Every structure is written in structure tokens, then in C-alpha cells.
């Protein structure tokens, strides 16, 4: 049975704030290209945030304002994830800077 469009949009939206959902979708969803596109980008976004988080943590150790820097970073990360989820839920196919380019160059399946 074919999945309703709104189901695809919901799954695509959940890939951004909940990286385990993106990983599960990458493993099990093979047919819905819209869901796979956002699952790839959602998981790539999580990986990029993880790398940036380590860099921010290391950088914040050397400054007096370290905790403020970390809070600003995580507020931005949460707001960005919610923004991307909203766009995916509304049926938009968009590109996250750097993440999209990296995936396009390195992942054959990503289109």
C-alpha cells in the first residue's frame, strides 16, 4: 500500500530533530525518495553538529565566555533543526549549506 503524502512529510520532518529516526529511515526506507533525501540530510546535519560541538567545546575551554558560547551554539542547533523540520513537513526540498555539498560529492544515492 502506498504511503500518504503527509506521512512522508512527517517522516522527513522527524529526520532533523531526531537523528535516530533519520538513521532508521536510511536503513529501512528504500522507495520514498523524498523521505530518503531528508533522512540523508538530517543525519548529515547531526554529524556536522557533532563535529562542531566538539570544536565549540574545545574552544570554549579557552575563553571566559565558554558556557555562553556553548549555549548559543545549542540554541542555534535546536532552532535550525526545528526550521529544517518545518520546511520538510511543508513539502519543501531544500539544501543545507555544506551538508548538501558533502553528501552530493560523497554519497552516490543522494540526489
Protein backbone atom coordinates (compact mmCIF):
# COMPACT_ATOMS: atom_id res chain seq x y z
CA UNK A 1 0.00 0.00 0.00
CA UNK A 2 1.31 3.45 -0.89
CA UNK A 3 2.07 5.87 1.91
CA UNK A 4 0.09 9.11 2.08
CA UNK A 5 1.94 12.28 1.21
CA UNK A 6 1.50 13.66 4.72
CA UNK A 7 3.09 10.51 6.19
CA UNK A 8 6.15 11.05 4.01
CA UNK A 9 6.35 14.67 5.06
CA UNK A 10 6.08 13.75 8.74
CA UNK A 11 8.83 11.15 8.48
CA UNK A 12 11.03 13.59 6.55
CA UNK A 13 10.45 16.26 9.22
CA UNK A 14 11.32 13.91 12.08
CA UNK A 15 14.72 13.19 10.50
CA UNK A 16 16.07 16.61 11.52
CA UNK A 17 15.46 16.91 15.28
CA UNK A 18 15.68 13.14 15.92
CA UNK A 19 18.81 11.66 14.33
CA UNK A 20 17.93 8.04 15.26
CA UNK A 21 14.80 8.42 13.11
CA UNK A 22 16.99 9.56 10.20
CA UNK A 23 19.23 6.52 10.67
CA UNK A 24 16.28 4.11 10.79
CA UNK A 25 14.82 5.70 7.66
CA UNK A 26 18.13 5.36 5.84
CA UNK A 27 18.26 1.68 6.71
CA UNK A 28 14.63 0.69 6.06
CA UNK A 29 13.07 3.23 3.68
CA UNK A 30 14.08 2.32 0.15
CA UNK A 31 11.22 3.59 -2.04
CA UNK A 32 10.25 7.10 -0.98
CA UNK A 33 12.85 9.44 -2.46
CA UNK A 34 11.53 12.46 -0.55
CA UNK A 35 11.95 10.70 2.80
CA UNK A 36 15.41 9.36 1.88
CA UNK A 37 16.58 12.81 0.74
CA UNK A 38 15.63 14.34 4.10
CA UNK A 39 16.92 11.34 6.06
CA UNK A 40 20.33 11.74 4.41
CA UNK A 41 20.35 15.47 5.08
CA UNK A 42 19.04 15.04 8.64
CA UNK A 43 21.72 12.51 9.50
CA UNK A 44 24.38 14.65 7.79
CA UNK A 45 23.17 17.63 9.81
CA UNK A 46 23.56 15.58 13.01
CA UNK A 47 27.11 14.53 12.07
CA UNK A 48 28.05 18.13 11.25
CA UNK A 49 26.59 19.31 14.57
CA UNK A 50 28.52 16.62 16.43
CA UNK A 51 31.80 17.71 14.87
CA UNK A 52 31.04 21.39 15.51
CA UNK A 53 30.02 20.57 19.07
CA UNK A 54 33.44 19.08 19.78
CA UNK A 55 35.12 22.13 18.26
CA UNK A 56 32.91 24.51 20.27
CA UNK A 57 33.58 22.58 23.48
CA UNK A 58 37.33 22.71 22.94
CA UNK A 59 37.24 26.39 22.01
CA UNK A 60 35.02 27.25 24.97
CA UNK A 61 37.59 25.80 27.39
CA UNK A 62 39.99 28.56 26.46
CA UNK A 63 37.66 31.52 26.94
CA UNK A 64 35.95 33.16 29.88
CA UNK A 65 32.68 33.06 27.97
CA UNK A 66 32.83 29.32 27.25
CA UNK A 67 29.46 28.43 28.72
CA UNK A 68 27.76 31.29 26.89
CA UNK A 69 29.29 30.13 23.61
CA UNK A 70 28.01 26.59 24.18
CA UNK A 71 24.50 27.80 25.00
CA UNK A 72 24.40 29.99 21.89
CA UNK A 73 25.60 27.07 19.76
CA UNK A 74 22.97 24.67 21.09
CA UNK A 75 20.15 27.22 20.82
CA UNK A 76 21.14 27.75 17.19
CA UNK A 77 21.32 23.98 16.60
CA UNK A 78 17.84 23.35 18.04
CA UNK A 79 16.30 26.28 16.14
CA UNK A 80 17.96 25.17 12.89
CA UNK A 81 16.71 21.58 13.34
CA UNK A 82 13.17 22.81 14.00
CA UNK A 83 13.35 25.13 10.99
CA UNK A 84 14.51 22.31 8.73
CA UNK A 85 11.82 20.00 10.13
CA UNK A 86 9.16 22.62 9.42
CA UNK A 87 10.34 23.03 5.84
CA UNK A 88 10.38 19.25 5.28
CA UNK A 89 6.91 18.89 6.79
CA UNK A 90 5.61 21.57 4.43
CA UNK A 91 6.90 19.61 1.43
CA UNK A 92 9.95 21.70 0.60
CA UNK A 93 13.13 20.16 -0.75
CA UNK A 94 15.96 22.43 0.38
CA UNK A 95 19.74 22.31 0.71
CA UNK A 96 21.61 22.67 3.99
CA UNK A 97 24.86 24.50 3.18
CA UNK A 98 27.98 22.33 3.37
CA UNK A 99 25.95 19.21 4.33
CA UNK A 100 24.24 19.06 0.92
CA UNK A 101 27.51 19.62 -0.97
CA UNK A 102 29.34 16.98 1.07
CA UNK A 103 26.58 14.41 0.54
CA UNK A 104 26.33 15.16 -3.17
CA UNK A 105 30.06 14.59 -3.65
CA UNK A 106 30.43 11.53 -1.40
CA UNK A 107 27.15 9.57 -1.41
CA UNK A 108 26.08 8.02 -4.71
CA UNK A 109 22.48 7.52 -3.57
CA UNK A 110 21.98 11.14 -2.54
CA UNK A 111 20.32 13.26 -5.22
